[in-house]
Amino acid sequence: MPEIRLDIPQSVIDSINDKLNKINDNPPGTRLSANDIGREAIAVYKWVIDQSNDGLAIVAAGADSKPVVQITTPNLPVRRPRM
């Protein structure tokens, strides 16, 4: 099985955990490890790639759908959604 080793500052891990706790209304002290966060990140990235491969754009939108922001990276360029 492939292995990934990344140097991620503890402050990034703490920030992710703080935001997840707020979003999920978790009890204080609920923490994900760097490995847990990495596994979830890979799962989300795989989903993004699958959706893009199917011709769908990946977007973020507010409750009122404005603004809609298309998510891109250098390896995941803007793609017009298929109709």
N, C-alpha and C. Protein backbone atom coordinates (compact mmCIF):
# COMPACT_ATOMS: atom_id res chain seq x y z
N MET A 1 0.85 -1.17 0.00
CA MET A 1 0.00 0.00 0.00
C MET A 1 0.90 1.24 0.00
N PRO A 2 0.60 2.22 -0.87
CA PRO A 2 1.40 3.44 -0.87
C PRO A 2 1.31 4.17 0.46
N GLU A 3 2.37 4.86 0.78
CA GLU A 3 2.41 5.63 2.02
C GLU A 3 2.76 7.07 1.69
N ILE A 4 2.11 8.00 2.35
CA ILE A 4 2.37 9.42 2.16
C ILE A 4 2.90 9.98 3.47
N ARG A 5 3.98 10.72 3.37
CA ARG A 5 4.52 11.40 4.55
C ARG A 5 4.54 12.90 4.26
N LEU A 6 3.88 13.65 5.10
CA LEU A 6 3.79 15.09 4.94
C LEU A 6 4.18 15.77 6.24
N ASP A 7 4.82 16.92 6.12
CA ASP A 7 5.09 17.75 7.29
C ASP A 7 3.99 18.81 7.34
N ILE A 8 3.10 18.67 8.29
CA ILE A 8 1.99 19.61 8.44
C ILE A 8 2.14 20.28 9.79
N PRO A 9 2.19 21.60 9.81
CA PRO A 9 2.33 22.29 11.10
C PRO A 9 1.18 21.93 12.05
N GLN A 10 1.50 21.80 13.31
CA GLN A 10 0.48 21.50 14.32
C GLN A 10 -0.62 22.55 14.32
N SER A 11 -0.26 23.79 13.99
CA SER A 11 -1.28 24.85 13.97
C SER A 11 -2.34 24.59 12.91
N VAL A 12 -1.97 23.96 11.80
CA VAL A 12 -2.94 23.61 10.75
C VAL A 12 -3.86 22.52 11.25
N ILE A 13 -3.31 21.50 11.88
CA ILE A 13 -4.11 20.41 12.44
C ILE A 13 -5.07 20.95 13.50
N ASP A 14 -4.56 21.83 14.37
CA ASP A 14 -5.41 22.42 15.41
C ASP A 14 -6.55 23.24 14.81
N SER A 15 -6.22 24.03 13.76
CA SER A 15 -7.23 24.85 13.12
C SER A 15 -8.32 24.00 12.47
N ILE A 16 -7.92 22.93 11.80
CA ILE A 16 -8.90 22.02 11.19
C ILE A 16 -9.79 21.42 12.27
N ASN A 17 -9.19 20.94 13.34
CA ASN A 17 -9.97 20.35 14.43
C ASN A 17 -10.92 21.37 15.07
N ASP A 18 -10.44 22.58 15.30
CA ASP A 18 -11.30 23.62 15.89
C ASP A 18 -12.51 23.90 15.00
N LYS A 19 -12.28 24.01 13.70
CA LYS A 19 -13.38 24.29 12.78
C LYS A 19 -14.33 23.10 12.67
N LEU A 20 -13.79 21.88 12.63
CA LEU A 20 -14.66 20.70 12.59
C LEU A 20 -15.51 20.60 13.85
N ASN A 21 -14.91 20.90 15.00
CA ASN A 21 -15.67 20.87 16.25
C ASN A 21 -16.81 21.88 16.23
N LYS A 22 -16.54 23.06 15.68
CA LYS A 22 -17.58 24.09 15.58
C LYS A 22 -18.67 23.66 14.59
N ILE A 23 -18.26 23.19 13.42
CA ILE A 23 -19.22 22.77 12.39
C ILE A 23 -20.11 21.64 12.91
N ASN A 24 -19.50 20.66 13.58
CA ASN A 24 -20.22 19.46 14.02
C ASN A 24 -20.76 19.56 15.43
N ASP A 25 -20.53 20.69 16.10
CA ASP A 25 -20.97 20.88 17.48
C ASP A 25 -20.47 19.74 18.36
N ASN A 26 -19.18 19.40 18.18
CA ASN A 26 -18.55 18.32 18.96
C ASN A 26 -18.25 18.78 20.38
N PRO A 27 -18.20 17.85 21.31
CA PRO A 27 -17.79 18.22 22.67
C PRO A 27 -16.34 18.69 22.67
N PRO A 28 -15.99 19.58 23.60
CA PRO A 28 -14.61 20.05 23.68
C PRO A 28 -13.63 18.88 23.81
N GLY A 29 -12.49 19.02 23.16
CA GLY A 29 -11.47 17.99 23.24
C GLY A 29 -11.56 16.93 22.17
N THR A 30 -12.62 16.95 21.33
CA THR A 30 -12.73 16.00 20.24
C THR A 30 -11.69 16.37 19.19
N ARG A 31 -10.78 15.45 18.88
CA ARG A 31 -9.68 15.76 17.97
C ARG A 31 -9.49 14.63 16.97
N LEU A 32 -9.21 14.99 15.73
CA LEU A 32 -8.78 14.04 14.72
C LEU A 32 -7.26 14.10 14.64
N SER A 33 -6.65 12.96 14.39
CA SER A 33 -5.20 12.94 14.22
C SER A 33 -4.86 13.43 12.81
N ALA A 34 -3.59 13.71 12.58
CA ALA A 34 -3.15 14.10 11.24
C ALA A 34 -3.48 12.99 10.25
N ASN A 35 -3.33 11.72 10.66
CA ASN A 35 -3.66 10.60 9.77
C ASN A 35 -5.15 10.58 9.44
N ASP A 36 -6.00 10.82 10.44
CA ASP A 36 -7.45 10.86 10.20
C ASP A 36 -7.79 11.96 9.20
N ILE A 37 -7.22 13.13 9.39
CA ILE A 37 -7.47 14.25 8.48
C ILE A 37 -6.98 13.91 7.08
N GLY A 38 -5.81 13.31 6.99
CA GLY A 38 -5.26 12.91 5.69
C GLY A 38 -6.15 11.91 4.97
N ARG A 39 -6.66 10.94 5.70
CA ARG A 39 -7.56 9.94 5.08
C ARG A 39 -8.82 10.60 4.54
N GLU A 40 -9.39 11.52 5.32
CA GLU A 40 -10.60 12.21 4.85
C GLU A 40 -10.28 13.10 3.67
N ALA A 41 -9.12 13.75 3.69
CA ALA A 41 -8.73 14.62 2.58
C ALA A 41 -8.59 13.81 1.29
N ILE A 42 -7.98 12.64 1.37
CA ILE A 42 -7.83 11.78 0.18
C ILE A 42 -9.19 11.32 -0.31
N ALA A 43 -10.09 10.98 0.61
CA ALA A 43 -11.44 10.55 0.21
C ALA A 43 -12.17 11.68 -0.53
N VAL A 44 -12.06 12.90 -0.02
CA VAL A 44 -12.71 14.05 -0.68
C VAL A 44 -12.05 14.31 -2.03
N TYR A 45 -10.72 14.24 -2.10
CA TYR A 45 -10.01 14.48 -3.36
C TYR A 45 -10.41 13.44 -4.41
N LYS A 46 -10.53 12.18 -4.00
CA LYS A 46 -10.97 11.14 -4.92
C LYS A 46 -12.36 11.45 -5.45
N TRP A 47 -13.26 11.89 -4.57
CA TRP A 47 -14.61 12.24 -5.00
C TRP A 47 -14.57 13.40 -6.01
N VAL A 48 -13.74 14.42 -5.73
CA VAL A 48 -13.61 15.56 -6.64
C VAL A 48 -13.14 15.08 -8.02
N ILE A 49 -12.13 14.24 -8.05
CA ILE A 49 -11.61 13.73 -9.32
C ILE A 49 -12.68 12.92 -10.04
N ASP A 50 -13.39 12.07 -9.32
CA ASP A 50 -14.47 11.27 -9.94
C ASP A 50 -15.54 12.17 -10.54
N GLN A 51 -15.96 13.21 -9.81
CA GLN A 51 -16.99 14.12 -10.31
C GLN A 51 -16.49 14.87 -11.54
N SER A 52 -15.25 15.35 -11.49
CA SER A 52 -14.67 16.05 -12.64
C SER A 52 -14.56 15.13 -13.84
N ASN A 53 -14.16 13.89 -13.61
CA ASN A 53 -14.06 12.91 -14.68
C ASN A 53 -15.42 12.66 -15.33
N ASP A 54 -16.48 12.78 -14.55
CA ASP A 54 -17.85 12.61 -15.07
C ASP A 54 -18.38 13.89 -15.73
N GLY A 55 -17.54 14.93 -15.82
CA GLY A 55 -17.93 16.15 -16.50
C GLY A 55 -18.62 17.17 -15.63
N LEU A 56 -18.54 17.03 -14.32
CA LEU A 56 -19.19 17.96 -13.41
C LEU A 56 -18.19 18.98 -12.87
N ALA A 57 -18.65 20.20 -12.64
CA ALA A 57 -17.82 21.22 -12.01
C ALA A 57 -17.97 21.09 -10.51
N ILE A 58 -16.90 21.35 -9.78
CA ILE A 58 -16.93 21.31 -8.32
C ILE A 58 -17.02 22.75 -7.84
N VAL A 59 -18.09 23.06 -7.11
CA VAL A 59 -18.32 24.45 -6.70
C VAL A 59 -18.64 24.53 -5.21
N ALA A 60 -18.44 25.73 -4.68
CA ALA A 60 -18.87 26.07 -3.33
C ALA A 60 -19.89 27.19 -3.47
N ALA A 61 -20.98 27.08 -2.73
CA ALA A 61 -22.03 28.10 -2.82
C ALA A 61 -22.58 28.39 -1.45
N GLY A 62 -22.98 29.64 -1.25
CA GLY A 62 -23.64 30.03 -0.01
C GLY A 62 -25.09 29.58 -0.02
N ALA A 63 -25.78 29.78 1.08
CA ALA A 63 -27.18 29.36 1.21
C ALA A 63 -28.06 29.98 0.13
N ASP A 64 -27.73 31.20 -0.29
CA ASP A 64 -28.52 31.85 -1.33
C ASP A 64 -27.95 31.59 -2.73
N SER A 65 -26.97 30.68 -2.82
CA SER A 65 -26.31 30.30 -4.07
C SER A 65 -25.49 31.43 -4.69
N LYS A 66 -25.21 32.46 -3.93
CA LYS A 66 -24.40 33.57 -4.45
C LYS A 66 -23.35 33.94 -3.42
N PRO A 67 -22.11 34.07 -3.77
CA PRO A 67 -21.59 33.72 -5.07
C PRO A 67 -21.34 32.23 -5.17
N VAL A 68 -21.27 31.74 -6.37
CA VAL A 68 -20.85 30.36 -6.61
C VAL A 68 -19.39 30.43 -7.03
N VAL A 69 -18.54 29.67 -6.36
CA VAL A 69 -17.11 29.69 -6.63
C VAL A 69 -16.70 28.30 -7.09
N GLN A 70 -16.09 28.22 -8.26
CA GLN A 70 -15.62 26.92 -8.74
C GLN A 70 -14.27 26.61 -8.12
N ILE A 71 -14.13 25.41 -7.63
CA ILE A 71 -12.91 24.98 -6.96
C ILE A 71 -11.94 24.45 -8.01
N THR A 72 -10.71 24.98 -7.97
CA THR A 72 -9.68 24.54 -8.91
C THR A 72 -8.35 24.43 -8.18
N THR A 73 -7.47 23.65 -8.77
CA THR A 73 -6.07 23.56 -8.34
C THR A 73 -5.24 23.51 -9.62
N PRO A 74 -3.92 23.60 -9.53
CA PRO A 74 -3.12 23.49 -10.76
C PRO A 74 -3.38 22.18 -11.52
N ASN A 75 -3.70 21.12 -10.82
CA ASN A 75 -3.96 19.83 -11.48
C ASN A 75 -5.43 19.55 -11.69
N LEU A 76 -6.28 20.44 -11.25
CA LEU A 76 -7.72 20.31 -11.42
C LEU A 76 -8.23 21.64 -11.99
N PRO A 77 -8.05 21.82 -13.31
CA PRO A 77 -8.39 23.11 -13.90
C PRO A 77 -9.90 23.34 -13.97
N VAL A 78 -10.28 24.59 -14.20
CA VAL A 78 -11.68 24.95 -14.38
C VAL A 78 -12.21 24.14 -15.57
N ARG A 79 -13.37 23.61 -15.37
CA ARG A 79 -14.00 22.81 -16.42
C ARG A 79 -15.45 23.21 -16.51
N ARG A 80 -15.90 23.46 -17.70
CA ARG A 80 -17.32 23.79 -17.90
C ARG A 80 -18.13 22.53 -17.62
N PRO A 81 -19.16 22.64 -16.77
CA PRO A 81 -19.97 21.44 -16.50
C PRO A 81 -20.70 20.97 -17.75
N ARG A 82 -20.86 19.69 -17.89
CA ARG A 82 -21.59 19.17 -19.04
C ARG A 82 -23.07 19.48 -18.88
N MET A 83 -23.73 19.66 -19.92
CA MET A 83 -25.17 19.96 -19.89
C MET A 83 -25.99 18.71 -20.09
